[in-house]
Amino acid sequence: MTGKNAVLAGGFTEPVFGSQSVFRQLMDGMARPGTIQTIETDVGQPEPLGAAAGAVALTVCDHDTPVWLSAALAKSAAGEWIGFHAGAPMTREKAEARFAFIEAGAALASLGLFSPGTQEYPDRSTTLIIEVSGFGEGQAMSLSGPGILEARKVSIAGLPEIFPRLWADNHALFPRGVDAILTAGRQLMCLPRTTRITTSA
C-alpha cells in the first residue's frame, strides 16, 4: 500500500480501548524494565514502521508532541500516517522531539542530541522508540535498577553495538535523560533512564 491509501489506512478499530490497552502495557513495561510485552492490536501502520511501534505512536503521540523520524521512516508514509491518526507534528530537530522513531538497522551515533529534559522538568525529555530484529537472541545483557530484583538477563538482536555505552552516558544524567522503548514486530521492551545495562563478553 502506497501514497494516500497508506496514510489514511489503519488506526485503532476501537481508539479508546485500543490506546488504553497499549498504554497499560507501556506502563507495565516501564515498571518492569526488560520484560516483553506483546501488542495484539493490528493498527495497519505503513512500512518500515513496525506493528508495536505503530501502536505506540497512536497511543502516546498527539498535537502537543513533536515527532522525529529516522531517515527511512522520514522517507516513508509513516510521518503523514502518525500526523493523520494522532495529530502529531513532525520535527527535523532531535532536541525538539518528545518522541523519536528509529527504524531497524539505523545508525545511532549519540543520544545526547535528543532532549534529556531539565532538572526541574525531567519529564520533558525525548522517548526513543527503536526497532530491533528480535528478543531472545543476539547480544546478551544484564539489566538492573528500579523495578528489577537483583538483575534481569535479556538478549536483543539488531541493537547498535554502541548502544550500551551510549546508555551508560544517558544513565549518568539522571534525573535527566531519555527513555527507550525497543520494538520488534508486535513485541516491545521498555528501558527507562533508571535502568543500568551490563553487557556480557
C-alpha atoms as a PDB file:
ATOM      1  CA  MET A   1       0.000   0.000   0.000  1.00  0.00           C
ATOM      2  CA  THR A   2       1.442   3.332  -1.032  1.00  0.00           C
ATOM      3  CA  GLY A   3       0.600   7.010  -1.224  1.00  0.00           C
ATOM      4  CA  LYS A   4      -2.588   8.418   0.220  1.00  0.00           C
ATOM      5  CA  ASN A   5      -4.060   4.999   0.953  1.00  0.00           C
ATOM      6  CA  ALA A   6      -1.142   4.169   3.271  1.00  0.00           C
ATOM      7  CA  VAL A   7      -1.688   7.418   5.165  1.00  0.00           C
ATOM      8  CA  LEU A   8      -5.438   7.009   5.622  1.00  0.00           C
ATOM      9  CA  ALA A   9      -5.447   3.273   6.333  1.00  0.00           C
ATOM     10  CA  GLY A  10      -5.217   1.636   9.730  1.00  0.00           C
ATOM     11  CA  GLY A  11      -5.562   3.089  13.197  1.00  0.00           C
ATOM     12  CA  PHE A  12      -7.217   1.502  16.218  1.00  0.00           C
ATOM     13  CA  THR A  13     -10.537  -0.172  15.398  1.00  0.00           C
ATOM     14  CA  GLU A  14     -11.727   0.998  18.819  1.00  0.00           C
ATOM     15  CA  PRO A  15      -9.488   4.003  19.600  1.00  0.00           C
ATOM     16  CA  VAL A  16     -10.331   4.372  23.304  1.00  0.00           C
ATOM     17  CA  PHE A  17      -9.974   0.712  24.221  1.00  0.00           C
ATOM     18  CA  GLY A  18      -7.028   0.154  21.905  1.00  0.00           C
ATOM     19  CA  SER A  19      -4.979   3.051  23.222  1.00  0.00           C
ATOM     20  CA  GLN A  20      -5.848   2.217  26.836  1.00  0.00           C
ATOM     21  CA  SER A  21      -4.672  -1.361  26.357  1.00  0.00           C
ATOM     22  CA  VAL A  22      -1.348  -0.330  24.809  1.00  0.00           C
ATOM     23  CA  PHE A  23      -0.860   2.386  27.445  1.00  0.00           C
ATOM     24  CA  ARG A  24      -1.269  -0.189  30.236  1.00  0.00           C
ATOM     25  CA  GLN A  25       1.337  -2.387  28.550  1.00  0.00           C
ATOM     26  CA  LEU A  26       3.743   0.551  28.311  1.00  0.00           C
ATOM     27  CA  MET A  27       3.248   1.410  31.977  1.00  0.00           C
ATOM     28  CA  ASP A  28       3.793  -2.214  32.954  1.00  0.00           C
ATOM     29  CA  GLY A  29       6.893  -2.353  30.755  1.00  0.00           C
ATOM     30  CA  MET A  30       8.332   0.808  32.296  1.00  0.00           C
ATOM     31  CA  ALA A  31       7.623  -0.516  35.802  1.00  0.00           C
ATOM     32  CA  ARG A  32       9.321  -3.840  34.955  1.00  0.00           C
ATOM     33  CA  PRO A  33      12.204  -2.992  32.590  1.00  0.00           C
ATOM     34  CA  GLY A  34      13.363  -5.784  30.339  1.00  0.00           C
ATOM     35  CA  THR A  35      10.070  -7.686  30.288  1.00  0.00           C
ATOM     36  CA  ILE A  36       8.484  -8.328  26.908  1.00  0.00           C
ATOM     37  CA  GLN A  37       5.014  -7.053  26.103  1.00  0.00           C
ATOM     38  CA  THR A  38       3.103  -8.233  23.031  1.00  0.00           C
ATOM     39  CA  ILE A  39       0.746  -5.899  21.184  1.00  0.00           C
ATOM     40  CA  GLU A  40      -2.300  -7.818  19.968  1.00  0.00           C
ATOM     41  CA  THR A  41      -3.997  -4.941  18.123  1.00  0.00           C
ATOM     42  CA  ASP A  42      -3.330  -4.523  14.387  1.00  0.00           C
ATOM     43  CA  VAL A  43      -3.109  -0.804  13.551  1.00  0.00           C
ATOM     44  CA  GLY A  44      -2.204  -1.144   9.857  1.00  0.00           C
ATOM     45  CA  GLN A  45       0.910   1.030  10.051  1.00  0.00           C
ATOM     46  CA  PRO A  46       2.949   1.729   6.882  1.00  0.00           C
ATOM     47  CA  GLU A  47       6.357   0.091   6.471  1.00  0.00           C
ATOM     48  CA  PRO A  48       9.036   0.289   7.696  1.00  0.00           C
ATOM     49  CA  LEU A  49       7.214   1.244  10.915  1.00  0.00           C
ATOM     50  CA  GLY A  50       6.740  -1.937  12.957  1.00  0.00           C
ATOM     51  CA  ALA A  51       3.447  -3.113  14.442  1.00  0.00           C
ATOM     52  CA  ALA A  52       4.315  -2.342  18.067  1.00  0.00           C
ATOM     53  CA  ALA A  53       5.926   0.967  17.116  1.00  0.00           C
ATOM     54  CA  GLY A  54       2.800   1.955  15.208  1.00  0.00           C
ATOM     55  CA  ALA A  55       0.564   1.125  18.167  1.00  0.00           C
ATOM     56  CA  VAL A  56       2.843   3.087  20.479  1.00  0.00           C
ATOM     57  CA  ALA A  57       2.693   6.080  18.148  1.00  0.00           C
ATOM     58  CA  LEU A  58      -1.107   6.103  18.170  1.00  0.00           C
ATOM     59  CA  THR A  59      -1.127   5.773  21.958  1.00  0.00           C
ATOM     60  CA  VAL A  60       1.397   8.390  23.086  1.00  0.00           C
ATOM     61  CA  CYS A  61       1.566  10.952  20.267  1.00  0.00           C
ATOM     62  CA  ASP A  62      -0.774  13.923  19.924  1.00  0.00           C
ATOM     63  CA  HIS A  63      -0.792  17.523  18.720  1.00  0.00           C
ATOM     64  CA  ASP A  64       1.464  18.581  21.642  1.00  0.00           C
ATOM     65  CA  THR A  65       4.199  16.004  20.988  1.00  0.00           C
ATOM     66  CA  PRO A  66       6.614  16.792  18.121  1.00  0.00           C
ATOM     67  CA  VAL A  67       7.883  13.604  16.494  1.00  0.00           C
ATOM     68  CA  TRP A  68      11.297  12.980  14.902  1.00  0.00           C
ATOM     69  CA  LEU A  69      11.770  10.156  12.401  1.00  0.00           C
ATOM     70  CA  SER A  70      14.995   8.488  11.302  1.00  0.00           C
ATOM     71  CA  ALA A  71      15.905   8.572   7.612  1.00  0.00           C
ATOM     72  CA  ALA A  72      13.985   5.588   6.206  1.00  0.00           C
ATOM     73  CA  LEU A  73      10.876   6.411   8.221  1.00  0.00           C
ATOM     74  CA  ALA A  74      11.035  10.063   7.163  1.00  0.00           C
ATOM     75  CA  LYS A  75      11.048   8.979   3.503  1.00  0.00           C
ATOM     76  CA  SER A  76       8.040   6.698   4.008  1.00  0.00           C
ATOM     77  CA  ALA A  77       4.382   7.405   4.714  1.00  0.00           C
ATOM     78  CA  ALA A  78       4.989   6.987   8.475  1.00  0.00           C
ATOM     79  CA  GLY A  79       5.139  10.707   9.256  1.00  0.00           C
ATOM     80  CA  GLU A  80       1.902  11.519   7.459  1.00  0.00           C
ATOM     81  CA  TRP A  81       0.276   8.428   8.954  1.00  0.00           C
ATOM     82  CA  ILE A  82       1.177   9.472  12.511  1.00  0.00           C
ATOM     83  CA  GLY A  83       0.101  13.018  11.738  1.00  0.00           C
ATOM     84  CA  PHE A  84      -3.257  11.911  10.328  1.00  0.00           C
ATOM     85  CA  HIS A  85      -4.142   9.392  13.037  1.00  0.00           C
ATOM     86  CA  ALA A  86      -2.564  11.049  16.093  1.00  0.00           C
ATOM     87  CA  GLY A  87      -2.360  14.717  15.073  1.00  0.00           C
ATOM     88  CA  ALA A  88       1.334  14.896  15.986  1.00  0.00           C
ATOM     89  CA  PRO A  89       3.589  17.388  14.157  1.00  0.00           C
ATOM     90  CA  MET A  90       6.906  16.276  12.684  1.00  0.00           C
ATOM     91  CA  THR A  91      10.214  17.960  13.518  1.00  0.00           C
ATOM     92  CA  ARG A  92      13.676  17.675  11.971  1.00  0.00           C
ATOM     93  CA  GLU A  93      15.324  18.759  15.230  1.00  0.00           C
ATOM     94  CA  LYS A  94      16.093  15.897  17.614  1.00  0.00           C
ATOM     95  CA  ALA A  95      16.165  18.240  20.627  1.00  0.00           C
ATOM     96  CA  GLU A  96      12.582  19.358  19.928  1.00  0.00           C
ATOM     97  CA  ALA A  97      11.128  15.862  19.718  1.00  0.00           C
ATOM     98  CA  ARG A  98       9.050  14.351  22.504  1.00  0.00           C
ATOM     99  CA  PHE A  99       9.121  11.030  20.654  1.00  0.00           C
ATOM    100  CA  ALA A 100      11.680   9.723  18.165  1.00  0.00           C
ATOM    101  CA  PHE A 101      11.091   6.667  15.986  1.00  0.00           C
ATOM    102  CA  ILE A 102      14.130   4.825  14.653  1.00  0.00           C
ATOM    103  CA  GLU A 103      13.838   2.020  12.097  1.00  0.00           C
ATOM    104  CA  ALA A 104      15.699  -1.273  12.375  1.00  0.00           C
ATOM    105  CA  GLY A 105      19.347  -1.052  11.406  1.00  0.00           C
ATOM    106  CA  ALA A 106      19.547   2.747  11.552  1.00  0.00           C
ATOM    107  CA  ALA A 107      22.769   4.269  12.843  1.00  0.00           C
ATOM    108  CA  LEU A 108      22.626   5.635  16.368  1.00  0.00           C
ATOM    109  CA  ALA A 109      25.641   7.871  16.909  1.00  0.00           C
ATOM    110  CA  SER A 110      24.520   9.699  20.039  1.00  0.00           C
ATOM    111  CA  LEU A 111      21.623  10.006  22.467  1.00  0.00           C
ATOM    112  CA  GLY A 112      22.854  13.405  23.587  1.00  0.00           C
ATOM    113  CA  LEU A 113      21.282  15.212  20.640  1.00  0.00           C
ATOM    114  CA  PHE A 114      17.814  14.333  21.920  1.00  0.00           C
ATOM    115  CA  SER A 115      16.264  16.316  24.768  1.00  0.00           C
ATOM    116  CA  PRO A 116      17.220  14.978  28.229  1.00  0.00           C
ATOM    117  CA  GLY A 117      14.691  17.261  29.950  1.00  0.00           C
ATOM    118  CA  THR A 118      15.766  19.641  32.690  1.00  0.00           C
ATOM    119  CA  GLN A 119      16.486  19.262  36.389  1.00  0.00           C
ATOM    120  CA  GLU A 120      13.157  20.972  37.119  1.00  0.00           C
ATOM    121  CA  TYR A 121      11.214  19.121  34.385  1.00  0.00           C
ATOM    122  CA  PRO A 122      12.961  15.826  33.618  1.00  0.00           C
ATOM    123  CA  ASP A 123       9.741  14.533  32.052  1.00  0.00           C
ATOM    124  CA  ARG A 124      10.227  16.927  29.137  1.00  0.00           C
ATOM    125  CA  SER A 125      12.723  14.558  27.578  1.00  0.00           C
ATOM    126  CA  THR A 126      12.584  12.554  24.371  1.00  0.00           C
ATOM    127  CA  THR A 127      11.383   8.967  24.405  1.00  0.00           C
ATOM    128  CA  LEU A 128      13.093   6.832  21.756  1.00  0.00           C
ATOM    129  CA  ILE A 129      11.182   4.047  20.009  1.00  0.00           C
ATOM    130  CA  ILE A 130      13.868   1.857  18.448  1.00  0.00           C
ATOM    131  CA  GLU A 131      13.060  -1.095  16.184  1.00  0.00           C
ATOM    132  CA  VAL A 132      15.337  -4.119  16.665  1.00  0.00           C
ATOM    133  CA  SER A 133      15.475  -7.521  14.969  1.00  0.00           C
ATOM    134  CA  GLY A 134      14.155  -9.540  17.881  1.00  0.00           C
ATOM    135  CA  PHE A 135      14.278 -10.508  21.522  1.00  0.00           C
ATOM    136  CA  GLY A 136      15.632 -13.733  22.996  1.00  0.00           C
ATOM    137  CA  GLU A 137      18.615 -13.789  20.632  1.00  0.00           C
ATOM    138  CA  GLY A 138      21.600 -11.601  19.831  1.00  0.00           C
ATOM    139  CA  GLN A 139      23.636  -9.590  22.318  1.00  0.00           C
ATOM    140  CA  ALA A 140      23.279 -10.728  25.927  1.00  0.00           C
ATOM    141  CA  MET A 141      22.772  -8.018  28.516  1.00  0.00           C
ATOM    142  CA  SER A 142      22.091  -7.781  32.217  1.00  0.00           C
ATOM    143  CA  LEU A 143      19.660  -5.111  33.398  1.00  0.00           C
ATOM    144  CA  SER A 144      19.485  -3.714  36.905  1.00  0.00           C
ATOM    145  CA  GLY A 145      17.808  -0.819  38.680  1.00  0.00           C
ATOM    146  CA  PRO A 146      14.321   0.101  39.893  1.00  0.00           C
ATOM    147  CA  GLY A 147      11.667  -2.473  39.010  1.00  0.00           C
ATOM    148  CA  ILE A 148      14.252  -5.273  38.724  1.00  0.00           C
ATOM    149  CA  LEU A 149      15.003  -7.719  41.534  1.00  0.00           C
ATOM    150  CA  GLU A 150      18.816  -8.017  41.531  1.00  0.00           C
ATOM    151  CA  ALA A 151      19.265  -8.437  37.741  1.00  0.00           C
ATOM    152  CA  ARG A 152      17.323  -9.394  34.623  1.00  0.00           C
ATOM    153  CA  LYS A 153      19.033 -11.189  31.743  1.00  0.00           C
ATOM    154  CA  VAL A 154      17.907 -10.241  28.242  1.00  0.00           C
ATOM    155  CA  SER A 155      19.134 -10.850  24.702  1.00  0.00           C
ATOM    156  CA  ILE A 156      18.462  -8.331  21.948  1.00  0.00           C
ATOM    157  CA  ALA A 157      19.259  -8.779  18.262  1.00  0.00           C
ATOM    158  CA  GLY A 158      19.786  -5.802  15.992  1.00  0.00           C
ATOM    159  CA  LEU A 159      20.536  -3.185  18.631  1.00  0.00           C
ATOM    160  CA  PRO A 160      23.505  -0.990  17.620  1.00  0.00           C
ATOM    161  CA  GLU A 161      26.698  -2.270  19.263  1.00  0.00           C
ATOM    162  CA  ILE A 162      27.392   1.224  20.615  1.00  0.00           C
ATOM    163  CA  PHE A 163      24.060   1.358  22.455  1.00  0.00           C
ATOM    164  CA  PRO A 164      25.235   0.098  25.912  1.00  0.00           C
ATOM    165  CA  ARG A 165      27.938   2.794  26.040  1.00  0.00           C
ATOM    166  CA  LEU A 166      25.510   5.488  24.915  1.00  0.00           C
ATOM    167  CA  TRP A 167      23.040   4.250  27.510  1.00  0.00           C
ATOM    168  CA  ALA A 168      25.633   4.472  30.297  1.00  0.00           C
ATOM    169  CA  ASP A 169      26.207   8.124  29.415  1.00  0.00           C
ATOM    170  CA  ASN A 170      22.456   8.675  29.407  1.00  0.00           C
ATOM    171  CA  HIS A 171      22.002   6.928  32.775  1.00  0.00           C
ATOM    172  CA  ALA A 172      24.615   9.223  34.312  1.00  0.00           C
ATOM    173  CA  LEU A 173      22.393  12.253  33.574  1.00  0.00           C
ATOM    174  CA  PHE A 174      19.657  11.126  35.985  1.00  0.00           C
ATOM    175  CA  PRO A 175      17.121  12.575  36.779  1.00  0.00           C
ATOM    176  CA  ARG A 176      17.505  13.886  33.225  1.00  0.00           C
ATOM    177  CA  GLY A 177      17.935  11.571  30.263  1.00  0.00           C
ATOM    178  CA  VAL A 178      15.954   9.836  27.558  1.00  0.00           C
ATOM    179  CA  ASP A 179      13.805   6.734  27.973  1.00  0.00           C
ATOM    180  CA  ALA A 180      13.694   3.983  25.347  1.00  0.00           C
ATOM    181  CA  ILE A 181      11.105   1.551  24.048  1.00  0.00           C
ATOM    182  CA  LEU A 182      12.610  -1.242  21.971  1.00  0.00           C
ATOM    183  CA  THR A 183      10.205  -2.813  19.481  1.00  0.00           C
ATOM    184  CA  ALA A 184      10.437  -5.950  17.359  1.00  0.00           C
ATOM    185  CA  GLY A 185       7.361  -6.620  15.274  1.00  0.00           C
ATOM    186  CA  ARG A 186       4.471  -6.891  17.738  1.00  0.00           C
ATOM    187  CA  GLN A 187       6.733  -7.077  20.796  1.00  0.00           C
ATOM    188  CA  LEU A 188       8.198  -4.291  22.897  1.00  0.00           C
ATOM    189  CA  MET A 189      10.599  -3.894  25.807  1.00  0.00           C
ATOM    190  CA  CYS A 190      10.907  -0.719  27.892  1.00  0.00           C
ATOM    191  CA  LEU A 191      14.162   0.775  29.175  1.00  0.00           C
ATOM    192  CA  PRO A 192      13.561   3.746  31.479  1.00  0.00           C
ATOM    193  CA  ARG A 193      16.550   6.000  32.124  1.00  0.00           C
ATOM    194  CA  THR A 194      16.941   4.469  35.606  1.00  0.00           C
ATOM    195  CA  THR A 195      17.925   1.113  34.127  1.00  0.00           C
ATOM    196  CA  ARG A 196      21.599   0.123  34.055  1.00  0.00           C
ATOM    197  CA  ILE A 197      22.942  -2.122  31.297  1.00  0.00           C
ATOM    198  CA  THR A 198      25.881  -4.511  31.640  1.00  0.00           C
ATOM    199  CA  THR A 199      26.970  -6.451  28.572  1.00  0.00           C
ATOM    200  CA  SER A 200      28.310  -9.989  28.562  1.00  0.00           C
ATOM    201  CA  ALA A 201      31.612 -10.748  26.900  1.00  0.00           C
END
